[in-house]
Amino acid sequence: MKPVLTIENLRVGFRQQDRIVYPVDGIHLSVCEGETLALVGESGCGKSVTSMSVMGLLQSWNNPSRAIVEGSIVYTRADGEKIRLSELHDKEFDRIRGNEIGMVFQEPMTSLNPVLTIGFQLMEVIRAHEQVSKQEAKSRAISLLEQVGIPDAANRLRSYPHQFSGGQRQRIVIAMAIACRPRLLIADEPTTALDVTIQAQVLALMKRLQEERGVAIWMVTHNLAVVAEFAHRVAVMYAGSIVEIAPVKQLFSVPGHPYTRLLLRSIPRLDSVPGERLATIPGRVPDPAHRPEGCPFAPRCPMREERCTREKPALKEREKGHFVACPLT
């Protein structure tokens, strides 16, 4: 499969008093045509910062005091043209963002403007990127709402975000993200706060869109059950670094990194003993401003050795397509 997005040695820094702190510190990732890559890890690992830097939402040429993004982010168009997103100016990025790369944000109610109708917001996306009439944009907006399962789509164009349920708002956000038929869809916790029934419907919708359009999906999530069902590959992130990448079946059957193993152990199981306490990972993700020397997971790792506190391990391939950043496994 051909890569749609390739990230090499990405570092994202924020100025903090007299120094720069890097919550994302040198990651390598790729997302290919028609595949779903899941990025998982605890809160504070840098997952959302990574996705927002790819979308150009943190850095700004006009305001260098904002985030500092280093490394290479390359988007590949269908004709093979490569665009270095990390080098685009703000106006150049506007032609890519929402057009060729769509994003589903974590909370739909804050992603939608509460004082504008859904129809206006959908049509605005279409007309911002394509030279179409207002009537054609309206027709496209109705079609998008129908595609994502909103009933009585023509009349609901006049409704406001608060007049929809949480699941419907998430469907509308997805409709906005795919309005211009992007090749890559970034979904940041797309099923957060949804009940399991609506969650299944949203995931089924995304899977259908992927099958019909060949969209590459990069999903950021905490939900490992969703990952097991929906993803093709999984990247595990900890303290700003990728510690493991593997095909989904391989990661769940033979996890290589101690952190991945502990994450999987913390999932509630149907066959657990009644009354048994849920497994947890001792400690917490380190503050990016005070990361330990060596392996960032060493202070919490039950397998650590003295060398772990001195050397930060690199990702190495154990089996075909399975990379692990730990010399002890």
Protein backbone atom coordinates (compact mmCIF):
# COMPACT_ATOMS: atom_id res chain seq x y z
CA MET A 1 0.00 0.00 0.00
CA LYS A 2 1.16 3.52 -0.80
CA PRO A 3 1.61 5.95 2.10
CA VAL A 4 -0.74 8.93 2.22
CA LEU A 5 1.01 10.52 5.19
CA THR A 6 4.63 10.06 6.26
CA ILE A 7 6.02 11.55 9.48
CA GLU A 8 9.74 11.47 10.23
CA ASN A 9 11.41 12.61 13.43
CA LEU A 10 8.53 14.91 14.40
CA ARG A 11 9.19 17.12 17.41
CA VAL A 12 6.61 19.60 18.72
CA GLY A 13 7.77 22.13 21.28
CA PHE A 14 6.19 24.90 23.34
CA ARG A 15 8.03 27.78 24.93
CA GLN A 16 7.93 27.66 28.71
CA GLN A 17 9.63 30.58 30.41
CA ASP A 18 13.29 30.38 29.32
CA ARG A 19 13.22 26.99 27.57
CA ILE A 20 11.33 24.86 25.06
CA VAL A 21 9.41 21.79 26.25
CA TYR A 22 8.73 18.97 23.78
CA PRO A 23 5.55 16.95 24.48
CA VAL A 24 6.19 15.18 21.16
CA ASP A 25 9.81 14.18 20.86
CA GLY A 26 10.94 12.48 17.66
CA ILE A 27 8.26 10.18 16.26
CA HIS A 28 8.08 8.26 12.97
CA LEU A 29 4.71 7.20 11.53
CA SER A 30 3.02 6.49 8.22
CA VAL A 31 -0.61 6.00 7.17
CA CYS A 32 -1.36 4.15 3.93
CA GLU A 33 -4.22 4.19 1.43
CA GLY A 34 -7.31 2.41 2.69
CA GLU A 35 -5.90 1.54 6.10
CA THR A 36 -6.76 2.59 9.63
CA LEU A 37 -3.86 3.40 11.93
CA ALA A 38 -4.75 3.71 15.61
CA LEU A 39 -2.59 5.86 17.88
CA VAL A 40 -3.07 4.81 21.50
CA GLY A 41 -1.66 5.68 24.92
CA GLU A 42 -2.57 7.36 28.20
CA SER A 43 -3.67 10.98 28.43
CA GLY A 44 -0.67 13.29 28.29
CA CYS A 45 1.38 11.10 25.94
CA GLY A 46 1.19 13.61 23.07
CA LYS A 47 -1.38 11.94 20.79
CA SER A 48 -3.62 14.97 20.15
CA VAL A 49 -0.64 17.32 19.87
CA THR A 50 0.72 15.06 17.13
CA SER A 51 -2.53 15.06 15.16
CA MET A 52 -3.03 18.80 15.49
CA SER A 53 0.51 19.51 14.31
CA VAL A 54 -0.17 17.42 11.19
CA MET A 55 -3.26 19.57 10.54
CA GLY A 56 -1.22 22.75 10.99
CA LEU A 57 -3.34 23.88 13.94
CA LEU A 58 -0.44 24.55 16.32
CA GLN A 59 2.23 26.23 14.24
CA SER A 60 1.93 29.60 12.50
CA TRP A 61 4.30 31.47 10.22
CA ASN A 62 2.67 34.74 11.27
CA ASN A 63 3.09 33.99 14.97
CA PRO A 64 6.42 32.24 15.69
CA SER A 65 5.74 32.41 19.43
CA ARG A 66 3.28 29.52 19.01
CA ALA A 67 4.31 25.86 18.77
CA ILE A 68 7.63 24.89 17.23
CA VAL A 69 7.25 21.98 14.82
CA GLU A 70 10.43 20.23 13.70
CA GLY A 71 10.93 17.23 11.44
CA SER A 72 9.17 16.14 8.28
CA ILE A 73 5.41 15.75 7.62
CA VAL A 74 4.72 14.70 4.02
CA TYR A 75 1.29 14.28 2.45
CA THR A 76 1.14 12.34 -0.84
CA ARG A 77 -1.61 13.16 -3.32
CA ALA A 78 -3.35 10.55 -5.49
CA ASP A 79 -1.13 11.50 -8.48
CA GLY A 80 2.02 10.94 -6.41
CA GLU A 81 2.81 14.60 -5.74
CA LYS A 82 4.39 15.02 -2.32
CA ILE A 83 3.57 18.06 -0.21
CA ARG A 84 5.68 18.90 2.83
CA LEU A 85 3.03 20.05 5.28
CA SER A 86 5.70 21.07 7.79
CA GLU A 87 6.91 23.76 5.35
CA LEU A 88 3.57 25.26 4.27
CA HIS A 89 2.56 28.80 5.12
CA ASP A 90 -0.84 29.41 6.71
CA LYS A 91 -2.70 30.27 3.47
CA GLU A 92 -1.13 27.34 1.63
CA PHE A 93 -2.27 25.00 4.41
CA ASP A 94 -5.83 26.33 4.12
CA ARG A 95 -6.07 24.68 0.68
CA ILE A 96 -5.14 21.28 2.15
CA ARG A 97 -6.90 21.39 5.53
CA GLY A 98 -10.54 20.37 5.20
CA ASN A 99 -10.09 19.66 1.51
CA GLU A 100 -7.58 16.81 1.15
CA ILE A 101 -7.16 16.10 4.87
CA GLY A 102 -10.25 16.11 7.10
CA MET A 103 -10.41 15.99 10.87
CA VAL A 104 -13.02 14.79 13.34
CA PHE A 105 -12.40 16.54 16.64
CA GLN A 106 -12.87 15.05 20.09
CA GLU A 107 -15.99 16.94 21.23
CA PRO A 108 -18.61 17.62 18.53
CA MET A 109 -20.42 20.33 20.50
CA THR A 110 -17.27 22.47 20.59
CA SER A 111 -16.47 21.66 16.94
CA LEU A 112 -19.76 23.12 15.73
CA ASN A 113 -20.71 26.79 15.91
CA PRO A 114 -23.77 26.97 18.20
CA VAL A 115 -25.21 30.12 16.55
CA LEU A 116 -25.10 28.87 12.95
CA THR A 117 -27.33 26.26 11.35
CA ILE A 118 -25.91 22.90 10.38
CA GLY A 119 -26.72 23.65 6.74
CA PHE A 120 -24.74 26.89 6.77
CA GLN A 121 -21.72 25.17 8.34
CA LEU A 122 -21.74 22.27 5.87
CA MET A 123 -22.18 24.57 2.87
CA GLU A 124 -19.41 26.85 4.12
CA VAL A 125 -16.93 23.95 4.07
CA ILE A 126 -17.87 23.00 0.50
CA ARG A 127 -17.84 26.55 -0.90
CA ALA A 128 -14.54 27.37 0.82
CA HIS A 129 -12.75 24.74 -1.25
CA GLU A 130 -14.81 24.30 -4.40
CA GLN A 131 -16.27 26.71 -6.94
CA VAL A 132 -19.91 25.67 -6.69
CA SER A 133 -23.19 27.55 -6.53
CA LYS A 134 -25.13 27.97 -3.32
CA GLN A 135 -27.81 25.60 -4.62
CA GLU A 136 -25.27 22.92 -5.51
CA ALA A 137 -23.62 23.28 -2.11
CA LYS A 138 -27.03 22.87 -0.48
CA SER A 139 -27.71 19.74 -2.50
CA ARG A 140 -24.31 18.33 -1.47
CA ALA A 141 -25.00 19.17 2.18
CA ILE A 142 -28.31 17.27 2.09
CA SER A 143 -26.57 14.30 0.47
CA LEU A 144 -23.85 14.32 3.16
CA LEU A 145 -26.42 14.30 5.97
CA GLU A 146 -28.18 11.39 4.29
CA GLN A 147 -24.88 9.51 3.94
CA VAL A 148 -24.19 9.79 7.67
CA GLY A 149 -27.70 8.72 8.60
CA ILE A 150 -29.42 11.96 9.62
CA PRO A 151 -33.18 11.55 8.94
CA ASP A 152 -35.19 14.22 7.14
CA ALA A 153 -31.93 15.76 5.95
CA ALA A 154 -33.43 18.56 3.83
CA ASN A 155 -35.36 20.01 6.76
CA ARG A 156 -32.60 19.42 9.33
CA LEU A 157 -30.31 21.78 7.42
CA ARG A 158 -32.12 24.60 9.22
CA SER A 159 -31.49 23.11 12.67
CA TYR A 160 -28.84 24.25 15.14
CA PRO A 161 -26.30 21.96 16.87
CA HIS A 162 -28.19 21.89 20.19
CA GLN A 163 -31.21 20.44 18.40
CA PHE A 164 -29.35 17.20 17.68
CA SER A 165 -28.36 14.34 19.98
CA GLY A 166 -24.69 13.70 20.81
CA GLY A 167 -24.48 10.84 18.32
CA GLN A 168 -26.08 12.92 15.58
CA ARG A 169 -23.67 15.81 16.23
CA GLN A 170 -20.75 13.42 15.86
CA ARG A 171 -22.21 12.20 12.55
CA ILE A 172 -22.51 15.81 11.38
CA VAL A 173 -18.88 16.49 12.30
CA ILE A 174 -17.91 13.45 10.22
CA ALA A 175 -20.05 14.78 7.35
CA MET A 176 -18.16 18.09 7.52
CA ALA A 177 -14.82 16.25 7.58
CA ILE A 178 -15.62 14.26 4.42
CA ALA A 179 -17.48 17.05 2.59
CA CYS A 180 -14.65 17.60 0.11
CA ARG A 181 -13.77 13.90 -0.27
CA PRO A 182 -10.41 13.92 1.58
CA ARG A 183 -7.82 11.17 1.09
CA LEU A 184 -6.92 11.22 4.80
CA LEU A 185 -9.26 11.48 7.76
CA ILE A 186 -7.84 12.18 11.22
CA ALA A 187 -10.27 11.17 13.98
CA ASP A 188 -9.36 12.35 17.48
CA GLU A 189 -11.41 10.29 19.97
CA PRO A 190 -14.40 10.12 17.60
CA THR A 191 -16.49 7.99 20.00
CA THR A 192 -15.79 9.82 23.27
CA ALA A 193 -18.86 10.21 25.54
CA LEU A 194 -21.06 8.14 23.20
CA ASP A 195 -22.92 5.11 24.48
CA VAL A 196 -21.88 1.75 23.04
CA THR A 197 -24.79 1.57 20.57
CA ILE A 198 -24.08 5.00 19.04
CA GLN A 199 -20.35 4.27 19.18
CA ALA A 200 -20.90 1.15 17.06
CA GLN A 201 -22.96 3.15 14.57
CA VAL A 202 -20.29 5.85 14.22
CA LEU A 203 -17.54 3.27 13.72
CA ALA A 204 -19.64 1.39 11.16
CA LEU A 205 -20.18 4.67 9.31
CA MET A 206 -16.44 5.39 9.21
CA LYS A 207 -15.68 1.85 8.05
CA ARG A 208 -18.27 2.11 5.26
CA LEU A 209 -16.85 5.45 4.10
CA GLN A 210 -13.39 3.91 4.04
CA GLU A 211 -14.55 0.93 1.97
CA GLU A 212 -16.46 3.12 -0.48
CA ARG A 213 -13.84 5.85 -0.91
CA GLY A 214 -10.53 4.21 0.07
CA VAL A 215 -9.97 6.89 2.71
CA ALA A 216 -6.95 6.48 4.97
CA ILE A 217 -7.98 6.91 8.61
CA TRP A 218 -5.73 7.90 11.49
CA MET A 219 -7.61 7.34 14.73
CA VAL A 220 -6.49 8.71 18.09
CA THR A 221 -8.17 6.83 20.93
CA HIS A 222 -7.95 5.40 24.44
CA ASN A 223 -10.44 2.66 23.67
CA LEU A 224 -8.51 -0.54 22.94
CA ALA A 225 -11.71 -2.45 22.24
CA VAL A 226 -12.41 -0.04 19.37
CA VAL A 227 -8.82 -0.50 18.17
CA ALA A 228 -9.15 -4.30 18.13
CA GLU A 229 -12.29 -4.11 16.00
CA PHE A 230 -11.54 -1.20 13.70
CA ALA A 231 -7.79 -0.71 13.14
CA HIS A 232 -5.35 -2.42 10.78
CA ARG A 233 -2.20 -1.24 12.55
CA VAL A 234 -1.54 0.21 15.99
CA ALA A 235 1.07 2.70 17.18
CA VAL A 236 1.55 2.87 20.95
CA MET A 237 2.71 6.26 22.24
CA TYR A 238 4.28 7.03 25.60
CA ALA A 239 5.77 10.30 26.84
CA GLY A 240 6.09 11.84 23.40
CA SER A 241 7.62 8.78 21.70
CA ILE A 242 6.35 5.76 19.79
CA VAL A 243 7.27 2.63 21.76
CA GLU A 244 5.61 0.00 19.57
CA ILE A 245 4.04 -0.35 16.11
CA ALA A 246 2.43 -3.56 14.89
CA PRO A 247 -0.48 -5.04 12.93
CA VAL A 248 -3.49 -5.09 15.23
CA LYS A 249 -3.74 -8.88 15.62
CA GLN A 250 -0.03 -9.18 16.31
CA LEU A 251 -0.06 -6.42 18.91
CA PHE A 252 -2.94 -7.95 20.84
CA SER A 253 -1.59 -11.52 20.68
CA VAL A 254 2.15 -10.89 21.27
CA PRO A 255 2.67 -7.33 22.61
CA GLY A 256 6.35 -6.52 22.71
CA HIS A 257 6.76 -3.46 24.93
CA PRO A 258 6.15 -3.64 28.70
CA TYR A 259 3.93 -0.56 28.45
CA THR A 260 1.75 -2.18 25.78
CA ARG A 261 1.41 -5.30 27.92
CA LEU A 262 0.29 -3.26 30.92
CA LEU A 263 -2.20 -1.32 28.80
CA LEU A 264 -3.75 -4.56 27.58
CA ARG A 265 -3.86 -5.98 31.11
CA SER A 266 -5.84 -2.94 32.26
CA ILE A 267 -8.75 -3.68 29.90
CA PRO A 268 -11.84 -5.04 31.73
CA ARG A 269 -12.46 -8.69 30.80
CA LEU A 270 -15.66 -10.72 30.75
CA ASP A 271 -13.84 -13.73 32.18
CA SER A 272 -12.34 -11.87 35.16
CA VAL A 273 -13.01 -13.14 38.67
CA PRO A 274 -16.01 -11.36 40.28
CA GLY A 275 -14.80 -8.77 42.77
CA GLU A 276 -11.25 -8.77 41.39
CA ARG A 277 -9.66 -5.31 41.20
CA LEU A 278 -8.97 -3.90 37.76
CA ALA A 279 -5.27 -3.95 36.88
CA THR A 280 -3.61 -0.52 36.80
CA ILE A 281 -0.23 0.88 35.78
CA PRO A 282 1.60 2.33 38.80
CA GLY A 283 2.76 5.95 38.56
CA ARG A 284 1.89 8.45 35.86
CA VAL A 285 3.09 9.79 32.53
CA PRO A 286 6.09 12.07 33.21
CA ASP A 287 5.85 15.82 32.77
CA PRO A 288 7.43 16.71 29.37
CA ALA A 289 9.55 19.30 31.17
CA HIS A 290 10.99 16.69 33.54
CA ARG A 291 11.34 13.44 31.63
CA PRO A 292 13.74 10.90 33.13
CA GLU A 293 17.05 10.02 31.50
CA GLY A 294 17.06 6.92 29.34
CA CYS A 295 13.81 5.10 28.67
CA PRO A 296 10.88 7.36 29.67
CA PHE A 297 8.89 4.33 30.87
CA ALA A 298 11.70 2.98 33.10
CA PRO A 299 10.37 4.49 36.40
CA ARG A 300 7.09 2.57 35.94
CA CYS A 301 8.43 -0.56 34.26
CA PRO A 302 8.40 -3.85 36.21
CA MET A 303 11.16 -5.23 33.94
CA ARG A 304 13.60 -2.32 34.14
CA GLU A 305 17.33 -2.81 34.47
CA GLU A 306 20.05 -0.34 35.36
CA ARG A 307 20.84 0.34 31.70
CA CYS A 308 17.24 1.44 31.11
CA THR A 309 17.92 4.59 33.12
CA ARG A 310 20.85 5.56 30.88
CA GLU A 311 19.84 4.76 27.30
CA LYS A 312 16.69 5.67 25.40
CA PRO A 313 15.93 2.66 23.18
CA ALA A 314 15.16 3.09 19.49
CA LEU A 315 12.36 1.36 17.59
CA LYS A 316 13.68 -1.88 16.12
CA GLU A 317 11.89 -4.41 13.95
CA ARG A 318 11.32 -7.73 15.75
CA GLU A 319 9.16 -9.34 13.10
CA LYS A 320 7.87 -8.10 9.76
CA GLY A 321 5.97 -4.89 10.48
CA HIS A 322 6.36 -5.22 14.27
CA PHE A 323 8.61 -2.58 15.83
CA VAL A 324 9.41 -2.32 19.54
CA ALA A 325 11.49 0.22 21.49
CA CYS A 326 12.71 -2.07 24.27
CA PRO A 327 15.85 -4.27 24.40
CA LEU A 328 14.45 -6.42 27.24
CA THR A 329 11.65 -8.18 25.33
